[in-house]
Amino acid sequence: MTGVGVLCAAVASALAVQLGWPGDSLRRLADVPRLAWPAWLRPKPSSPRARVRGIAGAGSGFAVVALAGGPPLAQLMTFVVVGAGVFWFLGRLEASAAAAVRAELVGTLPGALDLLSACVEAGMPLRSATTAVATALGGPVGERLAEVVARTAAGFGDSDAWAVLRHDPVMGPVARDLARASEAGTSMGALLTRHAEAARAAAHADAVARARAVGVRTIIPVSVCYLPAFFLLGVVPVIAGVLTTFVH
């Protein structure tokens, strides 16, 4: 095995150890800053964990290098490209159940924010309004609001409680603004109203995108159904007529 192969095996072994290393159960309670990657690089929330994607990418790169061989520099580049490609591809996968939950969350978020804004405008504290809306709604929105309620019940302030959702792909902007507004002590009614309008526009755009995707996905089944009939009823008689003319 070449030196590059040994390096690839070492990287794969290190990632295997990381894969089996137990995570910190209290890490999720800490306010850990994250690097803001572009949208096309960020993994889907329901994709495999980073350690799983890392070991899969390293294993794939090592397998390709072992099969292809070549000069050391080419082996190293192959290992990096294949490993990074597999890591990125696995991060873009989204389970169908998670996609359904996200679609439901996008669709119900505008109404939830309207209710939350109405409660706050009526004079309820933010944590009381959050508890009331989470209890009344349920579903994906209610579950996420219940996380905020649980943190406030555990003694966290409103800002720290809402920070638990700041990385959520759907409710992140709302959570970040509410956390800042809680720290600054500013009015939240108008803020929630603006976010409700933005969420309503996002829900409309998501519905249009899913409707267009359904049309694209139905092209192949419809083609499979209609093209043979068109060929047999439209093309074959014409060809048969032309051949008959030449024969006679």
C-alpha atoms as a PDB file:
ATOM      1  CA  MET A   1       0.000   0.000   0.000  1.00  0.00           C
ATOM      2  CA  THR A   2       1.356   3.430  -0.910  1.00  0.00           C
ATOM      3  CA  GLY A   3       1.844   6.284   1.508  1.00  0.00           C
ATOM      4  CA  VAL A   4      -1.318   7.938   0.240  1.00  0.00           C
ATOM      5  CA  GLY A   5      -3.231   4.722   0.829  1.00  0.00           C
ATOM      6  CA  VAL A   6      -1.922   4.599   4.397  1.00  0.00           C
ATOM      7  CA  LEU A   7      -3.024   8.219   4.871  1.00  0.00           C
ATOM      8  CA  CYS A   8      -6.487   7.447   3.550  1.00  0.00           C
ATOM      9  CA  ALA A   9      -6.775   4.444   5.855  1.00  0.00           C
ATOM     10  CA  ALA A  10      -5.687   6.573   8.831  1.00  0.00           C
ATOM     11  CA  VAL A  11      -8.291   9.206   8.045  1.00  0.00           C
ATOM     12  CA  ALA A  12     -10.975   6.541   7.667  1.00  0.00           C
ATOM     13  CA  SER A  13      -9.966   4.979  11.000  1.00  0.00           C
ATOM     14  CA  ALA A  14     -10.060   8.348  12.767  1.00  0.00           C
ATOM     15  CA  LEU A  15     -13.526   9.019  11.415  1.00  0.00           C
ATOM     16  CA  ALA A  16     -14.631   5.541  12.496  1.00  0.00           C
ATOM     17  CA  VAL A  17     -13.523   6.348  16.049  1.00  0.00           C
ATOM     18  CA  GLN A  18     -15.378   9.649  15.895  1.00  0.00           C
ATOM     19  CA  LEU A  19     -18.473   7.816  14.654  1.00  0.00           C
ATOM     20  CA  GLY A  20     -18.516   5.582  17.701  1.00  0.00           C
ATOM     21  CA  TRP A  21     -17.542   8.262  20.218  1.00  0.00           C
ATOM     22  CA  PRO A  22     -20.506   9.183  22.495  1.00  0.00           C
ATOM     23  CA  GLY A  23     -21.793  12.719  22.083  1.00  0.00           C
ATOM     24  CA  ASP A  24     -22.236  15.240  24.861  1.00  0.00           C
ATOM     25  CA  SER A  25     -25.870  15.106  25.985  1.00  0.00           C
ATOM     26  CA  LEU A  26     -25.618  18.648  27.391  1.00  0.00           C
ATOM     27  CA  ARG A  27     -24.167  20.144  24.218  1.00  0.00           C
ATOM     28  CA  ARG A  28     -27.613  20.889  22.844  1.00  0.00           C
ATOM     29  CA  LEU A  29     -28.253  23.212  25.823  1.00  0.00           C
ATOM     30  CA  ALA A  30     -25.134  25.259  25.161  1.00  0.00           C
ATOM     31  CA  ASP A  31     -25.133  28.285  22.903  1.00  0.00           C
ATOM     32  CA  VAL A  32     -22.552  26.948  20.454  1.00  0.00           C
ATOM     33  CA  PRO A  33     -21.846  29.300  17.509  1.00  0.00           C
ATOM     34  CA  ARG A  34     -22.031  27.736  14.071  1.00  0.00           C
ATOM     35  CA  LEU A  35     -20.400  28.707  10.834  1.00  0.00           C
ATOM     36  CA  ALA A  36     -22.925  30.126   8.361  1.00  0.00           C
ATOM     37  CA  TRP A  37     -22.463  28.043   5.210  1.00  0.00           C
ATOM     38  CA  PRO A  38     -24.197  28.869   1.909  1.00  0.00           C
ATOM     39  CA  ALA A  39     -27.586  27.241   1.420  1.00  0.00           C
ATOM     40  CA  TRP A  40     -26.308  24.772  -1.186  1.00  0.00           C
ATOM     41  CA  LEU A  41     -23.618  23.559   1.233  1.00  0.00           C
ATOM     42  CA  ARG A  42     -25.756  23.297   4.362  1.00  0.00           C
ATOM     43  CA  PRO A  43     -27.008  19.775   5.108  1.00  0.00           C
ATOM     44  CA  LYS A  44     -30.707  19.054   5.366  1.00  0.00           C
ATOM     45  CA  PRO A  45     -32.007  18.803   8.945  1.00  0.00           C
ATOM     46  CA  SER A  46     -33.049  15.180   8.406  1.00  0.00           C
ATOM     47  CA  SER A  47     -29.802  14.135   6.699  1.00  0.00           C
ATOM     48  CA  PRO A  48     -27.392  11.734   8.432  1.00  0.00           C
ATOM     49  CA  ARG A  49     -25.180  13.194  11.135  1.00  0.00           C
ATOM     50  CA  ALA A  50     -21.880  14.773  10.159  1.00  0.00           C
ATOM     51  CA  ARG A  51     -19.887  11.881  11.633  1.00  0.00           C
ATOM     52  CA  VAL A  52     -21.918   9.360   9.622  1.00  0.00           C
ATOM     53  CA  ARG A  53     -21.435  11.376   6.454  1.00  0.00           C
ATOM     54  CA  GLY A  54     -17.741  11.766   7.202  1.00  0.00           C
ATOM     55  CA  ILE A  55     -17.084   8.059   7.656  1.00  0.00           C
ATOM     56  CA  ALA A  56     -19.127   7.256   4.551  1.00  0.00           C
ATOM     57  CA  GLY A  57     -17.177   9.810   2.509  1.00  0.00           C
ATOM     58  CA  ALA A  58     -13.809   8.594   3.795  1.00  0.00           C
ATOM     59  CA  GLY A  59     -14.734   4.980   3.194  1.00  0.00           C
ATOM     60  CA  SER A  60     -15.921   5.722  -0.340  1.00  0.00           C
ATOM     61  CA  GLY A  61     -12.772   7.696  -1.116  1.00  0.00           C
ATOM     62  CA  PHE A  62     -10.530   4.952   0.257  1.00  0.00           C
ATOM     63  CA  ALA A  63     -12.399   2.290  -1.736  1.00  0.00           C
ATOM     64  CA  VAL A  64     -12.050   4.248  -4.984  1.00  0.00           C
ATOM     65  CA  VAL A  65      -8.356   4.868  -4.342  1.00  0.00           C
ATOM     66  CA  ALA A  66      -7.768   1.189  -3.579  1.00  0.00           C
ATOM     67  CA  LEU A  67      -9.496   0.126  -6.799  1.00  0.00           C
ATOM     68  CA  ALA A  68      -8.152   2.825  -9.128  1.00  0.00           C
ATOM     69  CA  GLY A  69      -4.569   3.144  -7.934  1.00  0.00           C
ATOM     70  CA  GLY A  70      -2.338   5.597  -9.804  1.00  0.00           C
ATOM     71  CA  PRO A  71       0.298   8.138  -8.749  1.00  0.00           C
ATOM     72  CA  PRO A  72       0.221   9.329  -5.118  1.00  0.00           C
ATOM     73  CA  LEU A  73      -0.934  12.851  -6.001  1.00  0.00           C
ATOM     74  CA  ALA A  74      -3.772  11.477  -8.133  1.00  0.00           C
ATOM     75  CA  GLN A  75      -4.752   9.110  -5.318  1.00  0.00           C
ATOM     76  CA  LEU A  76      -4.857  11.967  -2.843  1.00  0.00           C
ATOM     77  CA  MET A  77      -6.961  14.153  -5.141  1.00  0.00           C
ATOM     78  CA  THR A  78      -9.303  11.244  -5.845  1.00  0.00           C
ATOM     79  CA  PHE A  79      -9.707  10.567  -2.127  1.00  0.00           C
ATOM     80  CA  VAL A  80     -10.521  14.223  -1.400  1.00  0.00           C
ATOM     81  CA  VAL A  81     -12.919  14.685  -4.325  1.00  0.00           C
ATOM     82  CA  VAL A  82     -14.815  11.426  -3.763  1.00  0.00           C
ATOM     83  CA  GLY A  83     -14.959  11.874   0.011  1.00  0.00           C
ATOM     84  CA  ALA A  84     -16.162  15.466  -0.223  1.00  0.00           C
ATOM     85  CA  GLY A  85     -18.700  14.551  -2.903  1.00  0.00           C
ATOM     86  CA  VAL A  86     -20.198  11.713  -0.852  1.00  0.00           C
ATOM     87  CA  PHE A  87     -20.216  13.909   2.272  1.00  0.00           C
ATOM     88  CA  TRP A  88     -22.091  16.684   0.424  1.00  0.00           C
ATOM     89  CA  PHE A  89     -24.501  14.309  -1.337  1.00  0.00           C
ATOM     90  CA  LEU A  90     -25.535  12.588   1.900  1.00  0.00           C
ATOM     91  CA  GLY A  91     -26.090  16.000   3.476  1.00  0.00           C
ATOM     92  CA  ARG A  92     -28.547  16.975   0.746  1.00  0.00           C
ATOM     93  CA  LEU A  93     -30.732  13.905   1.267  1.00  0.00           C
ATOM     94  CA  GLU A  94     -34.061  14.508   2.981  1.00  0.00           C
ATOM     95  CA  ALA A  95     -36.371  11.795   4.219  1.00  0.00           C
ATOM     96  CA  SER A  96     -39.900  11.911   2.839  1.00  0.00           C
ATOM     97  CA  ALA A  97     -41.341  12.070   6.363  1.00  0.00           C
ATOM     98  CA  ALA A  98     -39.109  15.043   7.191  1.00  0.00           C
ATOM     99  CA  ALA A  99     -40.119  16.773   3.954  1.00  0.00           C
ATOM    100  CA  ALA A 100     -43.790  16.292   4.858  1.00  0.00           C
ATOM    101  CA  VAL A 101     -43.198  17.736   8.334  1.00  0.00           C
ATOM    102  CA  ARG A 102     -41.357  20.724   6.865  1.00  0.00           C
ATOM    103  CA  ALA A 103     -44.183  21.369   4.394  1.00  0.00           C
ATOM    104  CA  GLU A 104     -46.732  21.235   7.232  1.00  0.00           C
ATOM    105  CA  LEU A 105     -44.584  23.565   9.308  1.00  0.00           C
ATOM    106  CA  VAL A 106     -44.314  26.081   6.476  1.00  0.00           C
ATOM    107  CA  GLY A 107     -48.062  25.947   5.901  1.00  0.00           C
ATOM    108  CA  THR A 108     -49.112  26.374   9.539  1.00  0.00           C
ATOM    109  CA  LEU A 109     -46.484  28.900  10.641  1.00  0.00           C
ATOM    110  CA  PRO A 110     -48.359  32.028   9.384  1.00  0.00           C
ATOM    111  CA  GLY A 111     -51.445  31.210  11.459  1.00  0.00           C
ATOM    112  CA  ALA A 112     -49.317  30.439  14.509  1.00  0.00           C
ATOM    113  CA  LEU A 113     -47.520  33.765  14.236  1.00  0.00           C
ATOM    114  CA  ASP A 114     -50.856  35.570  13.822  1.00  0.00           C
ATOM    115  CA  LEU A 115     -52.096  33.951  17.042  1.00  0.00           C
ATOM    116  CA  LEU A 116     -48.869  34.757  18.848  1.00  0.00           C
ATOM    117  CA  SER A 117     -49.033  38.373  17.675  1.00  0.00           C
ATOM    118  CA  ALA A 118     -52.669  38.685  18.778  1.00  0.00           C
ATOM    119  CA  CYS A 119     -51.825  37.328  22.236  1.00  0.00           C
ATOM    120  CA  VAL A 120     -48.882  39.692  22.644  1.00  0.00           C
ATOM    121  CA  GLU A 121     -50.900  42.675  21.408  1.00  0.00           C
ATOM    122  CA  ALA A 122     -53.604  41.776  23.940  1.00  0.00           C
ATOM    123  CA  GLY A 123     -51.072  42.252  26.743  1.00  0.00           C
ATOM    124  CA  MET A 124     -49.906  38.686  27.422  1.00  0.00           C
ATOM    125  CA  PRO A 125     -46.204  38.168  28.201  1.00  0.00           C
ATOM    126  CA  LEU A 126     -44.292  36.429  25.447  1.00  0.00           C
ATOM    127  CA  ARG A 127     -43.761  33.220  27.411  1.00  0.00           C
ATOM    128  CA  SER A 128     -47.452  33.005  28.342  1.00  0.00           C
ATOM    129  CA  ALA A 129     -48.470  33.639  24.740  1.00  0.00           C
ATOM    130  CA  THR A 130     -46.022  30.979  23.558  1.00  0.00           C
ATOM    131  CA  THR A 131     -47.450  28.461  26.021  1.00  0.00           C
ATOM    132  CA  ALA A 132     -51.016  29.199  24.928  1.00  0.00           C
ATOM    133  CA  VAL A 133     -50.256  28.914  21.197  1.00  0.00           C
ATOM    134  CA  ALA A 134     -48.182  25.749  21.634  1.00  0.00           C
ATOM    135  CA  THR A 135     -51.019  24.112  23.588  1.00  0.00           C
ATOM    136  CA  ALA A 136     -53.691  25.217  21.135  1.00  0.00           C
ATOM    137  CA  LEU A 137     -51.953  24.243  17.910  1.00  0.00           C
ATOM    138  CA  GLY A 138     -49.891  21.099  18.401  1.00  0.00           C
ATOM    139  CA  GLY A 139     -48.261  19.622  15.293  1.00  0.00           C
ATOM    140  CA  PRO A 140     -44.779  20.665  14.126  1.00  0.00           C
ATOM    141  CA  VAL A 141     -45.253  24.306  15.137  1.00  0.00           C
ATOM    142  CA  GLY A 142     -46.581  23.335  18.548  1.00  0.00           C
ATOM    143  CA  GLU A 143     -43.682  20.946  19.119  1.00  0.00           C
ATOM    144  CA  ARG A 144     -41.135  23.645  18.385  1.00  0.00           C
ATOM    145  CA  LEU A 145     -42.904  26.182  20.552  1.00  0.00           C
ATOM    146  CA  ALA A 146     -43.075  23.558  23.289  1.00  0.00           C
ATOM    147  CA  GLU A 147     -39.259  23.416  23.232  1.00  0.00           C
ATOM    148  CA  VAL A 148     -39.210  27.145  23.994  1.00  0.00           C
ATOM    149  CA  VAL A 149     -41.799  26.690  26.742  1.00  0.00           C
ATOM    150  CA  ALA A 150     -39.753  23.872  28.287  1.00  0.00           C
ATOM    151  CA  ARG A 151     -36.648  26.059  28.413  1.00  0.00           C
ATOM    152  CA  THR A 152     -38.525  28.940  30.036  1.00  0.00           C
ATOM    153  CA  ALA A 153     -39.962  26.500  32.589  1.00  0.00           C
ATOM    154  CA  ALA A 154     -36.401  25.325  33.295  1.00  0.00           C
ATOM    155  CA  GLY A 155     -35.388  28.877  34.216  1.00  0.00           C
ATOM    156  CA  PHE A 156     -34.004  30.241  30.945  1.00  0.00           C
ATOM    157  CA  GLY A 157     -34.829  33.794  29.948  1.00  0.00           C
ATOM    158  CA  ASP A 158     -36.940  34.518  26.877  1.00  0.00           C
ATOM    159  CA  SER A 159     -33.873  35.322  24.791  1.00  0.00           C
ATOM    160  CA  ASP A 160     -32.064  32.101  25.701  1.00  0.00           C
ATOM    161  CA  ALA A 161     -35.248  30.070  25.348  1.00  0.00           C
ATOM    162  CA  TRP A 162     -35.909  31.252  21.804  1.00  0.00           C
ATOM    163  CA  ALA A 163     -32.246  30.727  20.896  1.00  0.00           C
ATOM    164  CA  VAL A 164     -32.945  26.967  20.799  1.00  0.00           C
ATOM    165  CA  LEU A 165     -34.756  27.509  17.477  1.00  0.00           C
ATOM    166  CA  ARG A 166     -32.392  29.999  15.901  1.00  0.00           C
ATOM    167  CA  HIS A 167     -30.886  27.365  13.584  1.00  0.00           C
ATOM    168  CA  ASP A 168     -34.266  25.905  12.595  1.00  0.00           C
ATOM    169  CA  PRO A 169     -34.580  26.175   8.776  1.00  0.00           C
ATOM    170  CA  VAL A 170     -38.179  27.456   8.985  1.00  0.00           C
ATOM    171  CA  MET A 171     -38.551  29.186  12.351  1.00  0.00           C
ATOM    172  CA  GLY A 172     -34.952  30.370  12.670  1.00  0.00           C
ATOM    173  CA  PRO A 173     -35.527  33.989  11.518  1.00  0.00           C
ATOM    174  CA  VAL A 174     -38.475  34.395  13.901  1.00  0.00           C
ATOM    175  CA  ALA A 175     -36.538  32.908  16.828  1.00  0.00           C
ATOM    176  CA  ARG A 176     -33.480  35.083  16.228  1.00  0.00           C
ATOM    177  CA  ASP A 177     -35.521  38.288  16.014  1.00  0.00           C
ATOM    178  CA  LEU A 178     -37.580  37.406  19.093  1.00  0.00           C
ATOM    179  CA  ALA A 179     -34.391  36.644  21.031  1.00  0.00           C
ATOM    180  CA  ARG A 180     -32.938  40.042  20.090  1.00  0.00           C
ATOM    181  CA  ALA A 181     -36.217  41.803  20.864  1.00  0.00           C
ATOM    182  CA  SER A 182     -36.361  40.126  24.267  1.00  0.00           C
ATOM    183  CA  GLU A 183     -32.861  41.334  25.093  1.00  0.00           C
ATOM    184  CA  ALA A 184     -33.607  44.869  23.887  1.00  0.00           C
ATOM    185  CA  GLY A 185     -37.076  45.021  25.470  1.00  0.00           C
ATOM    186  CA  THR A 186     -38.707  46.257  22.257  1.00  0.00           C
ATOM    187  CA  SER A 187     -42.293  45.680  21.149  1.00  0.00           C
ATOM    188  CA  MET A 188     -42.925  42.278  19.616  1.00  0.00           C
ATOM    189  CA  GLY A 189     -46.416  42.649  18.176  1.00  0.00           C
ATOM    190  CA  ALA A 190     -45.344  44.432  14.992  1.00  0.00           C
ATOM    191  CA  LEU A 191     -42.337  42.130  14.691  1.00  0.00           C
ATOM    192  CA  LEU A 192     -44.550  39.039  14.799  1.00  0.00           C
ATOM    193  CA  THR A 193     -46.954  40.601  12.293  1.00  0.00           C
ATOM    194  CA  ARG A 194     -44.123  41.198   9.811  1.00  0.00           C
ATOM    195  CA  HIS A 195     -42.884  37.658  10.247  1.00  0.00           C
ATOM    196  CA  ALA A 196     -46.423  36.329   9.754  1.00  0.00           C
ATOM    197  CA  GLU A 197     -46.650  38.170   6.424  1.00  0.00           C
ATOM    198  CA  ALA A 198     -43.244  36.856   5.370  1.00  0.00           C
ATOM    199  CA  ALA A 199     -44.207  33.325   6.424  1.00  0.00           C
ATOM    200  CA  ARG A 200     -47.454  33.592   4.432  1.00  0.00           C
ATOM    201  CA  ALA A 201     -45.493  34.596   1.321  1.00  0.00           C
ATOM    202  CA  ALA A 202     -43.042  31.734   1.912  1.00  0.00           C
ATOM    203  CA  ALA A 203     -45.922  29.272   2.287  1.00  0.00           C
ATOM    204  CA  HIS A 204     -47.414  30.450  -1.002  1.00  0.00           C
ATOM    205  CA  ALA A 205     -44.069  30.126  -2.781  1.00  0.00           C
ATOM    206  CA  ASP A 206     -43.552  26.651  -1.296  1.00  0.00           C
ATOM    207  CA  ALA A 207     -47.016  25.544  -2.444  1.00  0.00           C
ATOM    208  CA  VAL A 208     -46.325  26.811  -5.970  1.00  0.00           C
ATOM    209  CA  ALA A 209     -42.936  25.058  -6.033  1.00  0.00           C
ATOM    210  CA  ARG A 210     -44.440  21.761  -4.876  1.00  0.00           C
ATOM    211  CA  ALA A 211     -47.224  22.041  -7.459  1.00  0.00           C
ATOM    212  CA  ARG A 212     -44.667  22.580 -10.210  1.00  0.00           C
ATOM    213  CA  ALA A 213     -42.608  19.662  -8.934  1.00  0.00           C
ATOM    214  CA  VAL A 214     -45.669  17.409  -9.147  1.00  0.00           C
ATOM    215  CA  GLY A 215     -46.096  18.409 -12.784  1.00  0.00           C
ATOM    216  CA  VAL A 216     -42.480  17.602 -13.554  1.00  0.00           C
ATOM    217  CA  ARG A 217     -42.637  14.238 -11.764  1.00  0.00           C
ATOM    218  CA  THR A 218     -45.732  13.201 -13.718  1.00  0.00           C
ATOM    219  CA  ILE A 219     -44.103  13.708 -17.115  1.00  0.00           C
ATOM    220  CA  ILE A 220     -42.336  10.337 -17.162  1.00  0.00           C
ATOM    221  CA  PRO A 221     -45.358   8.217 -16.079  1.00  0.00           C
ATOM    222  CA  VAL A 222     -47.625  10.017 -18.549  1.00  0.00           C
ATOM    223  CA  SER A 223     -45.061   9.557 -21.316  1.00  0.00           C
ATOM    224  CA  VAL A 224     -44.764   5.849 -20.531  1.00  0.00           C
ATOM    225  CA  CYS A 225     -48.537   5.503 -20.733  1.00  0.00           C
ATOM    226  CA  TYR A 226     -49.246   7.580 -23.844  1.00  0.00           C
ATOM    227  CA  LEU A 227     -46.191   7.204 -26.074  1.00  0.00           C
ATOM    228  CA  PRO A 228     -46.762   3.505 -26.891  1.00  0.00           C
ATOM    229  CA  ALA A 229     -50.402   4.222 -27.727  1.00  0.00           C
ATOM    230  CA  PHE A 230     -49.401   7.168 -29.908  1.00  0.00           C
ATOM    231  CA  PHE A 231     -46.804   5.049 -31.671  1.00  0.00           C
ATOM    232  CA  LEU A 232     -49.220   2.160 -32.300  1.00  0.00           C
ATOM    233  CA  LEU A 233     -52.197   4.289 -33.342  1.00  0.00           C
ATOM    234  CA  GLY A 234     -50.420   7.122 -35.121  1.00  0.00           C
ATOM    235  CA  VAL A 235     -47.002   6.087 -36.380  1.00  0.00           C
ATOM    236  CA  VAL A 236     -47.460   2.396 -37.176  1.00  0.00           C
ATOM    237  CA  PRO A 237     -50.476   2.894 -39.525  1.00  0.00           C
ATOM    238  CA  VAL A 238     -48.594   5.591 -41.438  1.00  0.00           C
ATOM    239  CA  ILE A 239     -45.532   3.380 -41.848  1.00  0.00           C
ATOM    240  CA  ALA A 240     -47.722   0.435 -42.830  1.00  0.00           C
ATOM    241  CA  GLY A 241     -49.506   2.557 -45.430  1.00  0.00           C
ATOM    242  CA  VAL A 242     -46.245   3.738 -46.932  1.00  0.00           C
ATOM    243  CA  LEU A 243     -44.866   0.190 -47.084  1.00  0.00           C
ATOM    244  CA  THR A 244     -48.085  -1.077 -48.685  1.00  0.00           C
ATOM    245  CA  THR A 245     -47.814   1.593 -51.349  1.00  0.00           C
ATOM    246  CA  PHE A 246     -44.255   0.592 -52.186  1.00  0.00           C
ATOM    247  CA  VAL A 247     -45.136  -3.115 -52.251  1.00  0.00           C
ATOM    248  CA  HIS A 248     -48.018  -2.634 -54.666  1.00  0.00           C
END
